[in-house]
Amino acid sequence: MSSLVVILTILAYLLVVFCVAYLSGRRSDNAAFFTGNRTTSWYMATLAMIGAAMSGVTFISVPGSVATDSMTYMQMVAGFTLGQIIVAFLLVPLFYRLGIVSLYEYLDKRFGITTHRTGAGCFLIAKIISASLKIYVVCAVMQLLVFDAIGIPFGATAVLTMLFVWLYTRRGGVKVLIPTDAIQSVCLVGSVVVCVVYLARSMNLGSAGELYDAVVTSPYSQMWQFDDAASPRYFWKMFFGGVLCLVAMTGLDQDMMQRNMSCRTVRDSQINIVLTALCQIGVILLLLVLGVLLYRYAELAGLQMPLRGDDIFPYVAVQGGLPQVVGVMFVLGLVSSTYSAAGSALTSLTTSFTIDILGSARGDEGAVSRRRQRVHAAMAVVVASLVVVLNYLCNDSVINVVFKVAGYTYGPILGLFLFGMITKRKVRECLVPFVVILSPLMGGLLQWLVTMHYNYHIGFELLGYNALLTIIGLWIISRRKTVATNPEIE
């Protein structure tokens, strides 16, 4: 597959995205940027959320994880499904009732401005790191496929990628993200289906039955693991880790919830979330099947296995001797998934910093707009810079890195919200930042101690431990006095 074909594929895709962004983002105001004017239909939100949830990390790392983890990722997806139900029927009604723009405004109403900004600060750190990891994936692959060959350095690739993301989201925000994400979702799922079909044909798997047999008889087909409780891949660890990750990384994440809360009503938002959960099961399963086929094809074709699992998909799709359409669809799926995730991350970072840190949710429309635009540009620069740094640091499967980061950053956020919802105690706000910092440090120490002394590996459930430590810390610094708050919070 030539560099020219890759570049033309990217340019054609970007042309479509920019046209849709221009048409949908005309005459957008601050409300359109932050909430999409709450006019999104549930079916458009669902289609958009497929692309939002399936970032470039998912597109690359889930198939690549099959070599080491088989199909055990589905255990976590089962937890995701329960987590989506919790978000739909517990969190969404609360947020709509409060009429908030940023999720972390809840913390202000419940505790005060210090806790509000502390929670928002945790989100900003978490989202900057996770967004940078996701963008790093596509930049690294594009560098390998195209830009190394024509002498463009990685730093320029990262800056150019973020420039395009900034350009198409800078005016419309959420109002632009919904239609562009819908297109990106179609591109992502379509590319996976095409790749599966061509891989099956290349291995003479002419029917659905033969394809099924090839997957289930593969050494990579193990999906459930109940026999080793010490393993990080033990079912109940991954299941409850999936529940916690979904609630924290979607239900309490400004990025994901910004789309969900752009729906007209609570009911529309709930329908969207439930349907997204069902679609997520199918898409993740399809990606894992793709991973099994990729490794099976590489073995049959005598291809040299890449050192990193994240490299198997681009390697086979582009250099594995398959028809060129497979490489084109791979590039299309990768770019669409990454631009979707990057655009939404940049929008949510801008929203949270503008509203939660600068306190500019309301006021003069022009002043808020100018401040929002400056924040939007600054966030793009920060993310691009971190992507360049990650190029020198990232050596693990990226999806595992994302969940490791989530365990430390989203754990305190989950703890803050849970403490506010299940108790009526009032915290000493000046001590909240110390609790939020100490909790993940203690969680990391706990993880090290149980590994060293008991050979027990804390996996994705680390997020739950950090949330629990945060709740304990908040209880210690709280008083029994009932908080006089807005009754809508109760």
Protein backbone atom coordinates (compact mmCIF):
# COMPACT_ATOMS: atom_id res chain seq x y z
CA MET A 1 0.00 0.00 0.00
CA SER A 2 1.58 3.25 -1.13
CA SER A 3 1.96 6.42 0.89
CA LEU A 4 -0.08 8.27 -1.74
CA VAL A 5 -3.10 6.01 -1.20
CA VAL A 6 -2.91 6.51 2.58
CA ILE A 7 -2.69 10.28 2.23
CA LEU A 8 -5.56 10.42 -0.27
CA THR A 9 -7.73 8.29 2.05
CA ILE A 10 -7.06 10.63 4.98
CA LEU A 11 -7.69 13.76 2.90
CA ALA A 12 -10.95 12.40 1.49
CA TYR A 13 -12.16 11.54 4.97
CA LEU A 14 -11.17 14.94 6.37
CA LEU A 15 -12.95 16.69 3.50
CA VAL A 16 -16.21 14.93 4.41
CA VAL A 17 -15.78 15.70 8.11
CA PHE A 18 -15.03 19.38 7.53
CA CYS A 19 -18.04 19.76 5.21
CA VAL A 20 -20.36 18.18 7.80
CA ALA A 21 -18.78 20.25 10.59
CA TYR A 22 -19.26 23.46 8.60
CA LEU A 23 -22.89 22.74 7.80
CA SER A 24 -23.82 21.67 11.35
CA GLY A 25 -21.74 24.30 13.16
CA ARG A 26 -23.00 27.44 11.44
CA ARG A 27 -24.43 30.06 13.76
CA SER A 28 -23.43 28.04 16.83
CA ASP A 29 -23.38 29.77 20.21
CA ASN A 30 -21.91 28.77 23.56
CA ALA A 31 -24.94 26.60 24.40
CA ALA A 32 -24.43 24.72 21.12
CA PHE A 33 -20.76 24.18 21.94
CA PHE A 34 -21.36 22.97 25.50
CA THR A 35 -24.64 21.01 25.21
CA GLY A 36 -25.67 20.95 21.53
CA ASN A 37 -28.67 23.06 22.62
CA ARG A 38 -30.10 19.77 23.99
CA THR A 39 -31.79 19.02 20.66
CA THR A 40 -30.15 15.68 19.76
CA SER A 41 -32.44 12.75 18.98
CA TRP A 42 -31.71 9.45 20.74
CA TYR A 43 -30.91 7.59 17.51
CA MET A 44 -28.34 10.20 16.40
CA ALA A 45 -26.80 10.19 19.88
CA THR A 46 -26.55 6.38 19.81
CA LEU A 47 -24.87 6.37 16.41
CA ALA A 48 -22.47 9.07 17.56
CA MET A 49 -21.66 7.25 20.82
CA ILE A 50 -20.48 4.12 18.99
CA GLY A 51 -17.66 6.11 17.44
CA ALA A 52 -17.04 8.01 20.67
CA ALA A 53 -16.65 4.85 22.76
CA MET A 54 -14.56 3.02 20.14
CA SER A 55 -11.44 5.16 19.92
CA GLY A 56 -8.26 4.40 18.02
CA VAL A 57 -7.07 2.67 21.17
CA THR A 58 -9.96 0.21 20.92
CA PHE A 59 -9.52 -0.18 17.17
CA ILE A 60 -5.82 -1.07 17.48
CA SER A 61 -5.35 -2.53 20.94
CA VAL A 62 -8.39 -4.79 21.30
CA PRO A 63 -7.44 -6.98 18.30
CA GLY A 64 -3.81 -6.85 19.39
CA SER A 65 -4.64 -7.92 22.97
CA VAL A 66 -5.85 -11.32 21.72
CA ALA A 67 -2.31 -12.76 21.66
CA THR A 68 -1.76 -12.33 25.40
CA ASP A 69 -5.30 -12.11 26.82
CA SER A 70 -7.31 -14.17 24.30
CA MET A 71 -10.91 -12.91 24.26
CA THR A 72 -11.12 -12.29 28.01
CA TYR A 73 -11.76 -8.61 27.35
CA MET A 74 -15.41 -9.62 26.89
CA GLN A 75 -15.53 -10.16 30.67
CA MET A 76 -14.94 -6.45 31.07
CA VAL A 77 -17.50 -5.66 28.37
CA ALA A 78 -20.08 -7.59 30.42
CA GLY A 79 -19.29 -5.21 33.28
CA PHE A 80 -19.57 -2.26 30.92
CA THR A 81 -23.14 -3.28 30.15
CA LEU A 82 -24.20 -3.25 33.80
CA GLY A 83 -22.34 0.04 34.22
CA GLN A 84 -24.32 1.59 31.36
CA ILE A 85 -27.58 0.63 33.09
CA ILE A 86 -26.40 2.33 36.30
CA VAL A 87 -25.47 5.47 34.40
CA ALA A 88 -28.76 5.55 32.49
CA PHE A 89 -31.10 5.12 35.44
CA LEU A 90 -29.20 6.63 38.38
CA LEU A 91 -26.92 9.39 37.10
CA VAL A 92 -28.70 10.75 34.02
CA PRO A 93 -31.96 11.68 35.87
CA LEU A 94 -29.91 13.45 38.55
CA PHE A 95 -27.88 15.50 36.07
CA TYR A 96 -30.92 16.49 34.02
CA ARG A 97 -32.83 17.46 37.16
CA LEU A 98 -30.00 19.76 38.23
CA GLY A 99 -29.76 21.29 34.75
CA ILE A 100 -25.95 21.31 34.86
CA VAL A 101 -23.62 21.82 31.89
CA SER A 102 -20.49 20.33 33.45
CA LEU A 103 -20.93 17.20 35.56
CA TYR A 104 -18.63 18.59 38.22
CA GLU A 105 -21.08 21.40 38.98
CA TYR A 106 -22.82 18.72 41.08
CA LEU A 107 -19.84 18.76 43.45
CA ASP A 108 -20.20 22.52 43.86
CA LYS A 109 -23.90 22.19 44.70
CA ARG A 110 -23.21 19.32 47.12
CA PHE A 111 -19.95 20.38 48.80
CA GLY A 112 -18.58 23.70 47.54
CA ILE A 113 -16.26 25.32 45.04
CA THR A 114 -13.04 23.68 46.30
CA THR A 115 -14.42 20.16 45.87
CA HIS A 116 -15.92 21.23 42.53
CA ARG A 117 -12.53 22.33 41.21
CA THR A 118 -10.75 19.33 42.72
CA GLY A 119 -13.07 16.91 40.91
CA ALA A 120 -12.74 18.87 37.68
CA GLY A 121 -8.97 18.90 38.10
CA CYS A 122 -8.93 15.10 38.36
CA PHE A 123 -10.96 14.88 35.17
CA LEU A 124 -8.71 17.31 33.32
CA ILE A 125 -5.60 15.33 34.22
CA ALA A 126 -7.25 12.02 33.35
CA LYS A 127 -8.68 13.22 30.05
CA ILE A 128 -5.52 14.96 28.89
CA ILE A 129 -3.52 11.77 29.48
CA SER A 130 -6.08 9.39 27.97
CA ALA A 131 -6.76 11.63 24.97
CA SER A 132 -3.04 11.95 24.35
CA LEU A 133 -2.66 8.16 24.47
CA LYS A 134 -5.48 7.71 21.97
CA ILE A 135 -4.05 10.28 19.57
CA TYR A 136 -0.58 8.80 20.01
CA VAL A 137 -1.91 5.54 18.57
CA VAL A 138 -2.96 7.02 15.26
CA CYS A 139 0.11 9.25 15.03
CA ALA A 140 2.44 6.30 15.61
CA VAL A 141 0.71 4.18 12.97
CA MET A 142 0.56 7.02 10.43
CA GLN A 143 4.23 7.68 11.09
CA LEU A 144 5.01 4.04 10.35
CA LEU A 145 2.83 3.86 7.25
CA VAL A 146 3.58 7.20 5.62
CA PHE A 147 5.48 9.95 7.29
CA ASP A 148 8.75 8.18 8.13
CA ALA A 149 9.12 7.31 4.46
CA ILE A 150 8.76 10.92 3.34
CA GLY A 151 10.93 12.38 6.10
CA ILE A 152 8.30 14.07 8.29
CA PRO A 153 9.18 13.82 12.03
CA PHE A 154 6.76 12.46 14.62
CA GLY A 155 6.36 15.86 16.27
CA ALA A 156 5.04 17.36 13.04
CA THR A 157 2.59 14.46 12.67
CA ALA A 158 1.21 15.09 16.18
CA VAL A 159 0.87 18.84 15.63
CA LEU A 160 -0.82 18.38 12.26
CA THR A 161 -3.29 15.86 13.73
CA MET A 162 -4.30 18.17 16.56
CA LEU A 163 -4.52 21.12 14.18
CA PHE A 164 -7.17 19.31 12.14
CA VAL A 165 -9.06 18.29 15.32
CA TRP A 166 -8.98 21.86 16.59
CA LEU A 167 -10.18 23.27 13.27
CA TYR A 168 -13.29 21.16 12.91
CA THR A 169 -14.42 21.42 16.56
CA ARG A 170 -13.54 25.03 17.38
CA ARG A 171 -16.89 26.58 16.47
CA GLY A 172 -19.65 24.03 17.04
CA GLY A 173 -18.39 21.80 19.85
CA VAL A 174 -21.03 19.19 20.74
CA LYS A 175 -23.35 20.38 17.97
CA VAL A 176 -20.64 19.47 15.45
CA LEU A 177 -19.54 16.29 17.22
CA ILE A 178 -22.91 14.52 16.97
CA PRO A 179 -23.16 14.42 13.13
CA THR A 180 -19.42 13.98 12.57
CA ASP A 181 -19.26 11.18 15.14
CA ALA A 182 -22.19 9.48 13.41
CA ILE A 183 -20.18 9.42 10.17
CA GLN A 184 -17.12 8.22 12.05
CA SER A 185 -19.10 5.38 13.65
CA VAL A 186 -20.25 4.14 10.25
CA CYS A 187 -16.67 4.30 8.94
CA LEU A 188 -15.28 2.44 11.97
CA VAL A 189 -17.78 -0.43 11.99
CA GLY A 190 -17.72 -0.70 8.21
CA SER A 191 -13.94 -0.95 8.15
CA VAL A 192 -13.93 -3.77 10.72
CA VAL A 193 -16.58 -5.72 8.81
CA VAL A 194 -14.67 -5.36 5.53
CA CYS A 195 -11.41 -6.48 7.15
CA VAL A 196 -13.09 -9.55 8.70
CA VAL A 197 -14.67 -10.51 5.36
CA TYR A 198 -11.41 -10.26 3.40
CA LEU A 199 -9.42 -12.12 6.05
CA ALA A 200 -12.00 -14.92 6.02
CA ARG A 201 -11.85 -15.12 2.22
CA SER A 202 -8.04 -15.19 2.26
CA MET A 203 -8.17 -18.21 4.60
CA ASN A 204 -10.86 -19.97 2.52
CA LEU A 205 -13.50 -19.59 5.21
CA GLY A 206 -16.43 -19.42 2.83
CA SER A 207 -19.34 -19.53 5.27
CA ALA A 208 -20.37 -18.16 8.62
CA GLY A 209 -20.14 -21.65 10.09
CA GLU A 210 -16.55 -22.09 8.95
CA LEU A 211 -15.66 -18.68 10.31
CA TYR A 212 -17.24 -19.56 13.66
CA ASP A 213 -15.34 -22.87 13.83
CA ALA A 214 -12.06 -21.14 13.00
CA VAL A 215 -12.54 -18.68 15.86
CA VAL A 216 -13.75 -21.08 18.58
CA THR A 217 -11.04 -23.68 17.82
CA SER A 218 -8.30 -21.05 17.93
CA PRO A 219 -5.94 -21.01 20.94
CA TYR A 220 -6.95 -17.34 21.30
CA SER A 221 -10.66 -18.04 21.81
CA GLN A 222 -10.81 -18.30 25.63
CA MET A 223 -13.35 -15.77 26.85
CA TRP A 224 -14.12 -16.61 30.48
CA GLN A 225 -11.58 -17.21 33.25
CA PHE A 226 -12.86 -18.45 36.62
CA ASP A 227 -10.03 -20.70 37.81
CA ASP A 228 -7.34 -18.28 39.10
CA ALA A 229 -8.54 -15.57 41.46
CA ALA A 230 -5.02 -14.11 41.70
CA SER A 231 -4.90 -13.43 37.96
CA PRO A 232 -5.71 -9.91 36.72
CA ARG A 233 -7.87 -11.67 34.08
CA TYR A 234 -10.09 -13.42 36.65
CA PHE A 235 -13.75 -13.01 35.65
CA TRP A 236 -15.07 -11.21 38.72
CA LYS A 237 -12.11 -8.82 38.76
CA MET A 238 -12.68 -7.82 35.16
CA PHE A 239 -16.47 -7.77 35.47
CA PHE A 240 -16.59 -5.45 38.48
CA GLY A 241 -13.62 -3.53 37.11
CA GLY A 242 -15.69 -3.01 33.95
CA VAL A 243 -18.67 -1.77 35.96
CA LEU A 244 -16.51 0.71 37.89
CA CYS A 245 -14.61 1.86 34.81
CA LEU A 246 -17.81 2.47 32.88
CA VAL A 247 -19.50 4.40 35.67
CA ALA A 248 -16.38 6.50 36.29
CA MET A 249 -15.09 6.85 32.72
CA THR A 250 -18.50 7.40 31.11
CA GLY A 251 -21.06 8.33 33.75
CA LEU A 252 -18.71 10.74 35.54
CA ASP A 253 -16.72 11.77 32.48
CA GLN A 254 -17.58 15.10 30.88
CA ASP A 255 -16.39 13.79 27.52
CA MET A 256 -18.82 10.87 27.27
CA MET A 257 -21.75 12.45 29.10
CA GLN A 258 -21.62 15.66 27.08
CA ARG A 259 -23.14 13.76 24.14
CA ASN A 260 -25.60 11.80 26.29
CA MET A 261 -26.85 15.01 27.89
CA SER A 262 -27.33 16.70 24.54
CA CYS A 263 -30.53 14.64 24.10
CA ARG A 264 -33.88 16.38 24.37
CA THR A 265 -35.17 14.49 27.42
CA VAL A 266 -34.07 12.11 30.15
CA ARG A 267 -35.91 9.28 28.39
CA ASP A 268 -34.12 9.95 25.10
CA SER A 269 -30.77 9.93 26.88
CA GLN A 270 -31.59 6.64 28.63
CA ILE A 271 -32.65 4.99 25.37
CA ASN A 272 -29.41 6.19 23.78
CA ILE A 273 -27.26 4.76 26.59
CA VAL A 274 -28.97 1.35 26.64
CA LEU A 275 -28.69 1.00 22.86
CA THR A 276 -25.06 2.10 23.00
CA ALA A 277 -24.38 -0.67 25.53
CA LEU A 278 -25.89 -3.28 23.21
CA CYS A 279 -23.97 -1.96 20.20
CA GLN A 280 -20.76 -1.95 22.23
CA ILE A 281 -21.08 -5.68 22.91
CA GLY A 282 -21.37 -6.42 19.21
CA VAL A 283 -18.56 -4.11 18.09
CA ILE A 284 -16.07 -5.31 20.73
CA LEU A 285 -16.86 -8.94 19.94
CA LEU A 286 -16.30 -8.17 16.25
CA LEU A 287 -12.93 -6.58 17.05
CA LEU A 288 -11.87 -9.64 19.08
CA VAL A 289 -12.89 -11.94 16.22
CA LEU A 290 -10.82 -9.72 13.95
CA GLY A 291 -7.86 -10.17 16.31
CA VAL A 292 -8.16 -13.96 16.20
CA LEU A 293 -8.30 -13.88 12.39
CA LEU A 294 -5.32 -11.54 12.17
CA TYR A 295 -3.09 -13.88 14.19
CA ARG A 296 -4.42 -16.95 12.39
CA TYR A 297 -3.76 -15.34 9.01
CA ALA A 298 -0.26 -14.23 10.03
CA GLU A 299 0.61 -17.78 11.09
CA LEU A 300 -0.77 -19.37 7.90
CA ALA A 301 0.96 -16.80 5.69
CA GLY A 302 4.28 -17.22 7.51
CA LEU A 303 4.47 -13.55 8.45
CA GLN A 304 6.88 -12.42 11.11
CA MET A 305 4.94 -11.56 14.26
CA PRO A 306 5.41 -7.95 15.45
CA LEU A 307 6.88 -7.42 18.89
CA ARG A 308 3.87 -5.44 20.13
CA GLY A 309 0.29 -6.63 19.91
CA ASP A 310 -0.79 -3.12 18.94
CA ASP A 311 1.15 -3.52 15.67
CA ILE A 312 -0.54 -6.70 14.37
CA PHE A 313 -3.55 -5.00 12.77
CA PRO A 314 -1.65 -2.32 10.82
CA TYR A 315 1.06 -4.81 9.86
CA VAL A 316 -1.30 -7.42 8.41
CA ALA A 317 -3.72 -4.92 6.87
CA VAL A 318 -1.07 -2.90 5.07
CA GLN A 319 1.87 -5.28 4.54
CA GLY A 320 0.29 -8.73 4.83
CA GLY A 321 -0.43 -9.39 1.18
CA LEU A 322 -4.16 -8.71 1.42
CA PRO A 323 -6.09 -6.70 -1.22
CA GLN A 324 -5.45 -2.97 -1.06
CA VAL A 325 -9.03 -2.29 0.01
CA VAL A 326 -8.19 -3.85 3.40
CA GLY A 327 -5.40 -1.34 3.94
CA VAL A 328 -7.64 1.53 2.86
CA MET A 329 -10.41 0.44 5.22
CA PHE A 330 -7.91 0.03 8.05
CA VAL A 331 -6.67 3.60 7.57
CA LEU A 332 -10.26 4.86 7.33
CA GLY A 333 -11.30 3.05 10.52
CA LEU A 334 -8.23 4.18 12.42
CA VAL A 335 -8.49 7.82 11.42
CA SER A 336 -12.27 7.99 11.97
CA SER A 337 -12.09 6.42 15.43
CA THR A 338 -9.22 8.60 16.54
CA TYR A 339 -10.61 11.88 15.23
CA SER A 340 -13.92 11.09 16.93
CA ALA A 341 -12.24 10.48 20.30
CA ALA A 342 -9.86 13.41 19.92
CA GLY A 343 -12.58 15.85 18.93
CA SER A 344 -14.82 14.93 21.83
CA ALA A 345 -11.92 14.99 24.29
CA LEU A 346 -10.86 18.46 23.16
CA THR A 347 -14.45 19.71 23.44
CA SER A 348 -14.93 18.27 26.93
CA LEU A 349 -11.59 19.61 28.15
CA THR A 350 -12.56 23.05 26.89
CA THR A 351 -15.99 22.81 28.52
CA SER A 352 -14.68 21.65 31.89
CA PHE A 353 -11.85 24.17 32.11
CA THR A 354 -14.05 27.06 30.99
CA ILE A 355 -16.92 26.24 33.33
CA ASP A 356 -15.30 24.47 36.29
CA ILE A 357 -11.95 26.21 36.62
CA LEU A 358 -12.61 29.66 35.13
CA GLY A 359 -16.26 29.80 36.22
CA SER A 360 -17.47 31.08 32.84
CA ALA A 361 -20.64 29.10 32.36
CA ARG A 362 -22.86 32.12 32.11
CA GLY A 363 -22.44 35.78 31.42
CA ASP A 364 -21.84 37.92 28.39
CA GLU A 365 -22.09 35.65 25.32
CA GLY A 366 -19.19 37.33 23.53
CA ALA A 367 -16.84 37.26 26.54
CA VAL A 368 -17.59 33.60 27.27
CA SER A 369 -17.08 32.74 23.59
CA ARG A 370 -13.67 34.45 23.42
CA ARG A 371 -12.51 32.77 26.61
CA ARG A 372 -13.76 29.39 25.39
CA GLN A 373 -11.89 29.76 22.10
CA ARG A 374 -8.63 30.59 23.88
CA VAL A 375 -9.02 27.59 26.18
CA HIS A 376 -9.83 25.36 23.19
CA ALA A 377 -6.62 26.37 21.42
CA ALA A 378 -4.52 25.99 24.59
CA MET A 379 -5.88 22.47 25.22
CA ALA A 380 -4.98 21.46 21.67
CA VAL A 381 -1.40 22.62 22.27
CA VAL A 382 -1.17 20.75 25.59
CA VAL A 383 -2.45 17.49 24.10
CA ALA A 384 -0.15 17.73 21.06
CA SER A 385 2.84 18.30 23.34
CA LEU A 386 2.00 15.28 25.50
CA VAL A 387 1.58 13.08 22.42
CA VAL A 388 5.17 13.90 21.46
CA VAL A 389 6.36 13.00 24.97
CA LEU A 390 4.45 9.69 24.89
CA ASN A 391 6.32 8.71 21.76
CA TYR A 392 9.37 8.21 23.96
CA LEU A 393 7.61 6.60 26.93
CA CYS A 394 4.83 4.33 25.70
CA ASN A 395 5.86 0.67 25.39
CA ASP A 396 2.83 -1.22 26.75
CA SER A 397 -0.43 -2.18 25.04
CA VAL A 398 -2.10 1.22 24.95
CA ILE A 399 -5.51 0.01 26.10
CA ASN A 400 -3.88 -1.38 29.26
CA VAL A 401 -2.11 1.94 29.83
CA VAL A 402 -5.42 3.80 29.52
CA PHE A 403 -7.09 1.64 32.16
CA LYS A 404 -4.06 1.88 34.46
CA VAL A 405 -4.25 5.66 34.27
CA ALA A 406 -8.01 5.50 34.83
CA GLY A 407 -7.54 3.52 38.04
CA TYR A 408 -5.55 6.35 39.57
CA THR A 409 -7.36 9.38 38.16
CA TYR A 410 -11.01 8.36 37.92
CA GLY A 411 -10.99 6.53 41.28
CA PRO A 412 -11.06 9.77 43.31
CA ILE A 413 -13.77 11.21 41.02
CA LEU A 414 -15.94 8.15 41.63
CA GLY A 415 -15.27 8.41 45.36
CA LEU A 416 -16.29 12.10 45.47
CA PHE A 417 -19.59 11.48 43.68
CA LEU A 418 -20.44 8.35 45.67
CA PHE A 419 -19.74 10.07 48.99
CA GLY A 420 -21.98 12.95 47.96
CA MET A 421 -24.81 10.66 46.87
CA ILE A 422 -24.83 8.13 49.72
CA THR A 423 -24.15 10.44 52.68
CA LYS A 424 -25.34 13.82 53.95
CA ARG A 425 -22.12 14.66 55.70
CA LYS A 426 -20.30 17.95 55.22
CA VAL A 427 -16.59 17.80 54.42
CA ARG A 428 -13.83 20.20 55.44
CA GLU A 429 -13.23 21.46 51.94
CA CYS A 430 -9.69 22.67 52.53
CA LEU A 431 -8.65 19.03 53.08
CA VAL A 432 -10.41 17.52 50.05
CA PRO A 433 -7.44 18.03 47.67
CA PHE A 434 -5.16 16.18 50.09
CA VAL A 435 -7.58 13.22 50.22
CA VAL A 436 -7.76 13.12 46.43
CA ILE A 437 -3.96 13.08 46.14
CA LEU A 438 -3.33 10.60 48.96
CA SER A 439 -5.96 8.06 47.90
CA PRO A 440 -4.32 6.96 44.61
CA LEU A 441 -0.90 6.99 46.29
CA MET A 442 -2.21 4.59 48.94
CA GLY A 443 -3.91 2.57 46.20
CA GLY A 444 -0.60 2.21 44.38
CA LEU A 445 1.10 1.17 47.61
CA LEU A 446 -1.65 -1.41 48.26
CA GLN A 447 -1.23 -2.77 44.74
CA TRP A 448 2.52 -3.19 45.26
CA LEU A 449 2.18 -4.78 48.72
CA VAL A 450 -0.33 -7.46 47.74
CA THR A 451 1.72 -8.33 44.67
CA MET A 452 4.97 -8.62 46.61
CA HIS A 453 3.68 -10.44 49.69
CA TYR A 454 0.64 -12.38 48.51
CA ASN A 455 1.25 -12.80 44.76
CA TYR A 456 -2.17 -11.26 44.18
CA HIS A 457 -2.43 -8.94 41.20
CA ILE A 458 -4.85 -6.04 41.45
CA GLY A 459 -6.06 -5.39 37.93
CA PHE A 460 -8.75 -3.08 36.59
CA GLU A 461 -10.52 -3.16 39.97
CA LEU A 462 -7.85 -0.74 41.24
CA LEU A 463 -10.27 2.05 40.37
CA GLY A 464 -12.69 0.67 42.98
CA TYR A 465 -10.01 0.53 45.66
CA ASN A 466 -9.03 4.14 44.99
CA ALA A 467 -12.68 5.20 45.12
CA LEU A 468 -13.10 3.39 48.47
CA LEU A 469 -9.94 5.00 49.87
CA THR A 470 -11.28 8.40 48.77
CA ILE A 471 -14.61 7.74 50.53
CA ILE A 472 -12.80 6.71 53.72
CA GLY A 473 -10.66 9.85 53.56
CA LEU A 474 -13.71 12.06 53.01
CA TRP A 475 -15.48 10.41 55.94
CA ILE A 476 -12.51 11.17 58.20
CA ILE A 477 -12.50 14.86 57.25
CA SER A 478 -16.30 15.24 57.39
CA ARG A 479 -18.76 16.27 60.07
CA ARG A 480 -22.04 14.72 61.14
CA LYS A 481 -23.91 17.93 60.52
CA THR A 482 -26.52 17.55 57.77
CA VAL A 483 -25.74 19.67 54.74
CA ALA A 484 -28.31 22.27 53.80
CA THR A 485 -28.27 21.83 50.06
CA ASN A 486 -30.57 22.07 47.09
CA PRO A 487 -33.23 19.35 47.64
CA GLU A 488 -32.87 18.37 43.98
CA ILE A 489 -29.49 16.80 44.89
CA GLU A 490 -31.00 14.41 47.38
